[in-house]
Protein backbone atom coordinates (compact mmCIF):
# COMPACT_ATOMS: atom_id res chain seq x y z
CA MET A 1 14.89 -10.50 -17.38
CA THR A 2 11.70 -11.68 -16.11
CA GLN A 3 12.09 -12.08 -12.22
CA VAL A 4 9.88 -14.60 -10.74
CA LEU A 5 8.79 -13.39 -7.07
CA PRO A 6 8.48 -16.53 -5.03
CA ALA A 7 4.95 -16.71 -2.93
CA GLN A 8 4.94 -16.04 0.44
CA GLU A 9 3.99 -19.24 2.43
CA ASN A 10 0.30 -19.77 3.31
CA ARG A 11 -0.59 -16.82 1.65
CA GLU A 12 -3.05 -17.23 -1.65
CA VAL A 13 -2.08 -15.20 -4.68
CA VAL A 14 -5.00 -13.41 -6.17
CA LEU A 15 -3.12 -11.40 -9.05
CA LYS A 16 0.15 -12.46 -10.71
CA ILE A 17 2.04 -10.09 -12.78
CA ARG A 18 5.03 -11.42 -15.10
CA GLY A 19 7.08 -9.68 -17.29
CA LEU A 20 4.49 -7.13 -17.81
CA LYS A 21 5.19 -4.59 -20.84
CA LYS A 22 3.05 -1.95 -22.46
CA VAL A 23 4.68 0.38 -25.24
CA PHE A 24 2.92 3.41 -26.53
CA ASN A 25 4.00 3.91 -30.67
CA PRO A 26 6.11 1.13 -30.29
CA GLY A 27 8.65 1.41 -33.22
CA LYS A 28 7.87 5.16 -33.58
CA LYS A 29 9.81 8.30 -33.06
CA GLY A 30 7.45 8.92 -30.14
CA GLU A 31 7.66 5.30 -28.42
CA VAL A 32 6.93 5.58 -24.66
CA ARG A 33 7.45 2.48 -22.57
CA ALA A 34 4.86 3.04 -20.15
CA ILE A 35 5.22 -0.24 -18.21
CA ASP A 36 8.64 -2.07 -18.77
CA ASN A 37 8.96 -5.62 -17.70
CA ILE A 38 7.22 -5.50 -14.15
CA SER A 39 6.55 -8.56 -11.88
CA PHE A 40 4.65 -8.36 -8.77
CA ASP A 41 2.12 -10.86 -6.46
CA ILE A 42 -0.67 -9.33 -4.94
CA TYR A 43 -2.49 -11.41 -1.90
CA LYS A 44 -5.78 -12.15 -1.00
CA GLY A 45 -7.16 -9.34 1.56
CA GLU A 46 -4.02 -7.25 1.65
CA THR A 47 -3.36 -3.58 0.21
CA LEU A 48 -0.52 -2.95 -2.23
CA GLY A 49 0.45 0.33 -2.43
CA LEU A 50 1.87 1.64 -5.69
CA VAL A 51 3.84 4.81 -5.65
CA GLY A 52 5.85 6.97 -7.86
CA GLU A 53 5.44 10.32 -9.57
CA SER A 54 3.35 11.50 -12.22
CA GLY A 55 4.19 9.43 -15.80
CA SER A 56 5.87 6.88 -13.68
CA GLY A 57 3.36 4.19 -15.33
CA LYS A 58 1.19 3.58 -12.50
CA SER A 59 -2.24 4.06 -13.52
CA THR A 60 -1.15 2.29 -17.03
CA THR A 61 -0.10 -0.61 -14.70
CA GLY A 62 -3.83 -0.24 -12.93
CA ARG A 63 -5.81 -0.01 -16.11
CA SER A 64 -3.73 -2.81 -18.13
CA ILE A 65 -4.55 -4.96 -15.00
CA ILE A 66 -8.62 -4.59 -15.20
CA LYS A 67 -8.22 -4.59 -19.44
CA LEU A 68 -8.78 -1.30 -19.94
CA GLU A 69 -5.47 -1.11 -21.79
CA SER A 70 -4.13 -4.03 -23.96
CA ILE A 71 -0.90 -5.18 -22.80
CA THR A 72 2.24 -5.31 -25.17
CA SER A 73 3.66 -8.46 -23.35
CA GLY A 74 3.71 -10.28 -20.37
CA GLU A 75 1.32 -12.25 -18.38
CA VAL A 76 -1.70 -10.93 -15.89
CA THR A 77 -3.21 -13.76 -14.21
CA TYR A 78 -6.21 -13.28 -11.91
CA LYS A 79 -7.38 -15.68 -9.77
CA GLY A 80 -5.54 -18.23 -11.78
CA GLN A 81 -7.05 -17.42 -14.95
CA ASP A 82 -4.78 -15.52 -17.70
CA ILE A 83 -6.99 -12.49 -18.61
CA SER A 84 -5.51 -12.28 -22.14
CA LYS A 85 -7.62 -15.17 -22.64
CA LEU A 86 -11.11 -13.86 -21.46
CA ASN A 87 -12.99 -13.70 -24.84
CA ASN A 88 -16.54 -14.21 -24.79
CA LYS A 89 -18.92 -11.59 -22.80
CA GLN A 90 -19.93 -13.71 -20.20
CA GLU A 91 -16.23 -14.59 -18.99
CA VAL A 92 -15.45 -10.62 -19.22
CA LEU A 93 -18.47 -9.62 -17.39
CA LYS A 94 -17.58 -12.09 -14.65
CA PHE A 95 -14.14 -10.70 -14.63
CA ARG A 96 -15.56 -7.17 -14.47
CA LYS A 97 -17.88 -8.36 -11.65
CA SER A 98 -14.99 -9.56 -9.40
CA MET A 99 -12.52 -6.65 -10.34
CA GLN A 100 -13.74 -2.88 -10.14
CA MET A 101 -11.75 0.20 -10.15
CA ILE A 102 -11.99 3.69 -8.44
CA PHE A 103 -11.09 6.30 -10.78
CA GLN A 104 -8.57 9.29 -10.32
CA ASP A 105 -11.28 11.97 -11.17
CA PRO A 106 -14.49 11.87 -9.33
CA PHE A 107 -16.26 14.24 -11.62
CA ALA A 108 -15.11 12.83 -15.01
CA SER A 109 -15.76 8.88 -13.88
CA LEU A 110 -19.50 9.77 -13.55
CA ASN A 111 -21.89 10.63 -16.44
CA PRO A 112 -23.40 14.28 -15.48
CA ARG A 113 -26.64 13.44 -17.09
CA ILE A 114 -27.48 10.37 -15.41
CA PRO A 115 -28.69 10.34 -11.92
CA VAL A 116 -26.93 8.60 -8.78
CA LYS A 117 -29.79 5.87 -8.62
CA THR A 118 -29.54 5.03 -12.41
CA ILE A 119 -25.26 5.18 -12.34
CA ILE A 120 -25.45 2.39 -9.66
CA GLY A 121 -28.71 0.92 -10.69
CA ASP A 122 -27.52 -0.19 -14.41
CA ALA A 123 -24.66 -2.10 -13.12
CA LEU A 124 -26.93 -4.12 -10.31
CA ARG A 125 -29.13 -4.99 -13.70
CA LEU A 126 -26.32 -5.61 -15.92
CA HIS A 127 -24.81 -8.57 -13.60
CA LYS A 128 -28.00 -9.63 -12.60
CA ILE A 129 -27.71 -8.76 -8.94
CA CYS A 130 -31.32 -7.31 -8.88
CA SER A 131 -34.12 -7.88 -11.28
CA THR A 132 -36.88 -5.16 -10.07
CA ASP A 133 -37.20 -1.39 -9.43
CA ALA A 134 -37.71 -2.47 -5.74
CA GLU A 135 -34.71 -4.51 -5.36
CA VAL A 136 -32.52 -1.76 -7.34
CA THR A 137 -33.97 0.89 -5.03
CA GLN A 138 -33.35 -1.07 -1.82
CA ARG A 139 -29.88 -1.89 -2.75
CA VAL A 140 -28.91 1.79 -3.98
CA ASN A 141 -30.14 3.09 -0.56
CA GLU A 142 -28.13 0.41 1.33
CA LEU A 143 -24.81 1.19 -0.86
CA LEU A 144 -25.36 5.07 -0.17
CA ASP A 145 -25.60 4.12 3.59
CA ILE A 146 -22.26 2.62 3.58
CA VAL A 147 -20.58 5.27 1.70
CA GLY A 148 -21.98 8.32 3.92
CA ILE A 149 -24.48 9.64 1.21
CA ASN A 150 -28.08 10.63 2.47
CA ARG A 151 -30.59 8.54 0.68
CA SER A 152 -32.71 11.31 -0.35
CA TYR A 153 -29.67 12.19 -2.79
CA ALA A 154 -30.13 8.85 -4.80
CA ASN A 155 -32.42 11.05 -7.79
CA ARG A 156 -29.61 13.90 -7.84
CA TYR A 157 -27.09 14.07 -10.66
CA PRO A 158 -23.10 14.08 -10.31
CA THR A 159 -22.92 17.75 -11.06
CA GLU A 160 -24.77 18.76 -7.57
CA PHE A 161 -22.37 16.92 -5.61
CA SER A 162 -18.96 17.81 -4.02
CA GLY A 163 -15.75 16.36 -5.28
CA GLY A 164 -15.68 13.97 -2.03
CA GLN A 165 -19.33 13.12 -2.29
CA CYS A 166 -18.52 12.07 -6.44
CA GLN A 167 -15.48 9.96 -5.15
CA ARG A 168 -17.97 8.28 -2.60
CA ILE A 169 -20.53 7.34 -5.37
CA GLY A 170 -17.88 6.22 -7.34
CA ILE A 171 -16.94 3.78 -4.52
CA ALA A 172 -20.55 2.91 -3.88
CA ARG A 173 -20.73 2.03 -7.73
CA ALA A 174 -17.48 -0.36 -7.59
CA LEU A 175 -18.88 -1.87 -4.47
CA CYS A 176 -22.45 -2.62 -6.07
CA VAL A 177 -21.53 -5.59 -7.55
CA GLN A 178 -19.41 -7.06 -4.61
CA PRO A 179 -16.15 -7.42 -5.93
CA ASP A 180 -13.09 -9.05 -4.41
CA PHE A 181 -10.56 -6.56 -6.01
CA ILE A 182 -10.59 -2.92 -6.34
CA ILE A 183 -8.01 -0.84 -8.27
CA ALA A 184 -7.99 2.56 -6.56
CA ASP A 185 -6.29 4.87 -8.94
CA GLU A 186 -5.29 8.22 -7.49
CA CYS A 187 -8.64 8.04 -5.92
CA LEU A 188 -7.55 10.80 -3.52
CA SER A 189 -5.72 13.36 -5.44
CA ALA A 190 -8.74 15.56 -6.58
CA LEU A 191 -9.78 15.76 -3.01
CA ASP A 192 -9.25 17.99 0.13
CA VAL A 193 -6.53 16.54 2.85
CA SER A 194 -9.60 16.21 5.33
CA ILE A 195 -11.57 14.53 2.67
CA GLN A 196 -8.91 11.99 1.67
CA ALA A 197 -8.68 11.04 5.35
CA GLN A 198 -12.46 10.05 5.22
CA ILE A 199 -12.37 8.26 2.03
CA VAL A 200 -9.29 6.21 3.41
CA ASN A 201 -10.86 5.28 6.26
CA LEU A 202 -14.09 4.22 4.53
CA LEU A 203 -11.65 2.17 2.31
CA ILE A 204 -9.95 0.31 5.58
CA LYS A 205 -13.43 -0.25 6.81
CA LEU A 206 -14.75 -1.80 3.57
CA ARG A 207 -11.49 -4.06 3.55
CA LYS A 208 -12.17 -5.36 7.55
CA GLU A 209 -15.64 -5.93 6.53
CA ARG A 210 -15.60 -7.44 3.24
CA ALA A 211 -12.10 -9.03 2.78
CA ILE A 212 -11.44 -6.88 -0.35
CA THR A 213 -8.05 -6.62 -1.99
CA TYR A 214 -6.78 -3.51 -3.19
CA LEU A 215 -4.17 -2.09 -5.49
CA PHE A 216 -3.73 1.52 -4.15
CA ILE A 217 -2.06 3.66 -6.69
CA ALA A 218 -1.13 7.05 -5.50
CA HIS A 219 1.85 9.59 -5.09
CA ASP A 220 1.05 10.58 -1.54
CA LEU A 221 3.60 8.59 0.36
CA SER A 222 2.23 9.20 3.72
CA MET A 223 -1.19 8.12 2.94
CA VAL A 224 -0.25 5.26 1.26
CA LYS A 225 1.95 4.03 4.11
CA TYR A 226 -1.32 4.29 6.36
CA ILE A 227 -3.57 2.14 4.09
CA SER A 228 -1.09 -0.33 2.83
CA ASP A 229 0.80 -3.66 4.05
CA ARG A 230 3.16 -3.45 1.27
CA ILE A 231 4.58 -0.85 -1.21
CA ALA A 232 5.99 -0.71 -4.45
CA VAL A 233 7.96 2.16 -6.01
CA MET A 234 7.56 2.75 -9.80
CA LYS A 235 9.30 4.97 -12.01
CA ASP A 236 9.94 5.30 -15.84
CA GLY A 237 7.55 2.13 -16.17
CA LYS A 238 9.77 -0.01 -13.85
CA ILE A 239 9.39 -1.13 -10.29
CA LEU A 240 12.42 -0.43 -8.41
CA GLU A 241 11.59 -1.34 -4.76
CA LEU A 242 8.99 -3.74 -3.02
CA ALA A 243 8.55 -4.22 0.53
CA ASP A 244 6.55 -4.24 3.43
CA ALA A 245 5.40 -0.56 4.18
CA ASP A 246 7.28 -0.03 7.73
CA GLU A 247 10.44 -1.62 6.05
CA LEU A 248 10.26 0.55 3.16
CA TYR A 249 9.72 3.60 5.24
CA ASN A 250 12.20 2.70 7.86
CA ARG A 251 14.62 1.05 5.60
CA PRO A 252 14.68 2.33 2.05
CA LEU A 253 17.29 1.26 -0.08
CA HIS A 254 16.93 2.15 -3.84
CA PRO A 255 18.21 5.48 -4.31
CA TYR A 256 14.85 6.67 -5.73
CA THR A 257 12.99 5.56 -3.08
CA ILE A 258 14.93 7.65 -0.66
CA SER A 259 14.73 10.57 -2.69
CA LEU A 260 11.09 10.13 -2.59
CA LEU A 261 10.80 9.82 0.96
CA SER A 262 13.26 13.17 1.72
CA ALA A 263 10.38 15.05 -0.09
CA SER A 264 7.54 13.56 1.66
CA PRO A 265 6.08 16.17 3.96
CA LEU A 266 6.33 15.85 7.59
CA THR A 267 3.85 16.67 10.11
CA ASP A 268 6.73 17.47 12.89
CA LEU A 269 7.29 21.14 11.52
CA HIS A 270 10.82 20.99 13.57
CA LYS A 271 12.08 17.68 11.72
CA GLU A 272 10.66 19.07 8.39
CA LYS A 273 13.07 21.97 8.90
CA GLN A 274 16.26 20.17 9.75
CA ARG A 275 15.68 17.45 7.42
CA LYS A 276 17.47 17.84 3.93
CA ARG A 277 16.19 16.69 0.59
CA ILE A 278 18.09 14.26 -1.71
CA ASP A 279 18.18 14.45 -5.02
CA TYR A 280 18.26 11.51 -7.17
CA ASP A 281 20.69 10.87 -9.78
CA THR A 282 18.72 9.30 -13.21
CA SER A 283 21.84 7.48 -14.15
CA THR A 284 21.24 4.90 -11.29
CA HIS A 285 19.53 2.98 -13.27
CA LYS A 286 20.63 3.32 -16.42
CA TYR A 287 22.75 0.10 -16.86
CA PRO A 288 25.46 -0.23 -19.45
CA GLU A 289 24.64 -2.61 -22.56
CA GLY A 290 24.84 -6.05 -21.73
CA THR A 291 24.40 -5.55 -17.96
CA VAL A 292 21.50 -7.80 -16.81
CA ALA A 293 19.21 -6.01 -14.25
CA GLY A 294 16.28 -6.94 -12.15
CA MET A 295 14.32 -7.36 -9.02
CA TYR A 296 16.46 -8.94 -6.35
CA GLU A 297 15.50 -9.96 -2.94
CA ILE A 298 17.94 -8.16 -0.60
CA LEU A 299 16.05 -8.91 2.78
CA PRO A 300 13.33 -11.31 3.02
CA GLY A 301 10.46 -9.57 1.25
CA HIS A 302 12.64 -6.67 0.27
CA TRP A 303 13.01 -6.51 -3.35
CA VAL A 304 15.35 -3.89 -5.10
CA TYR A 305 15.45 -3.40 -8.90
CA CYS A 306 19.34 -3.66 -9.65
CA SER A 307 22.14 -5.53 -11.27
CA ALA A 308 23.67 -8.79 -9.59
CA ALA A 309 27.06 -6.75 -9.04
CA GLU A 310 25.16 -4.31 -6.83
CA VAL A 311 23.03 -7.09 -4.50
CA LEU A 312 26.01 -7.04 -1.99
CA LYS A 313 26.16 -3.46 -1.91
CA TYR A 314 22.37 -3.36 -0.90
CA GLN A 315 22.80 -5.77 1.91
CA GLN A 316 25.39 -3.97 3.16
CA GLN A 317 23.35 -0.77 3.38
CA ALA A 318 20.46 -2.69 4.92
CA LEU A 319 22.55 -4.00 7.58
CA SER A 320 23.79 -0.40 8.01
CA ALA A 321 20.90 1.07 8.47
CA SER A 322 19.35 -1.75 10.75
CA ASP A 323 22.44 -1.02 13.13
CA MET A 324 21.31 2.71 13.16
CA GLY A 325 18.19 2.02 14.06
CA ASN A 326 19.28 -0.05 17.03
């Protein structure tokens, strides 16, 4: 079932995903449905958080959107254009310029044999943003200033930097082509907590200054709430819940979301000691053969993956949560 989510009024849809599937080793013993028929929209200027445990399909979703993975079926439409129909070099270059990715491993994403100035400068030349060495040097210095790296480090190699510094360089490389859309793929997971906060604040600052749209992929729920406008929860290749960030945290409906939030650490030690962890019953989204399941809007803007027979149950659950909140 491909569920079409209606666009919110007066908001421009930048990225539209419909019925996206990615299957590895199809038809073989080791077949893996990394992405299993998901649909969602991302609006201009917003940050959509995509969360879930390792192996849920988050990174594969990001890589499929930016054409680093081929898709099995479905549609990815960016700015009104189906990305599967981008064939010639110029079209692909234009797409790459508009959409960039910040990778999970800050060390593996940078060539250790190439200095920072060249890592960023080559992209500037490829996309014809700069033509002379002087222009490249000036632009690289400006980008290093933006991400908080000393200009004098431009000729250094990635191996001479810390993980946080390498991630900042990765952000500078993504920003250098002036993208409209950035996929941040677990870009905080390899960093210390204090450095994570610095990187998140930098991303928020850049979003405000440059009106960048983000797909923020992570498993740290507290950090995702801080940076995201809306959050999608993913497991086993499916999106199980999608809602505004505050709505999702204050009124989670799907059992998996409830389980995730119950395991997310709290800063209040007294509350942390008192609360109970809630285990997720994996049979929850194993529906009997013949049952049609998909994304249903339980409340305005709050979607849950369920069967038609479960909609009323979730609506009552949401109303009950509202009453308790009051």
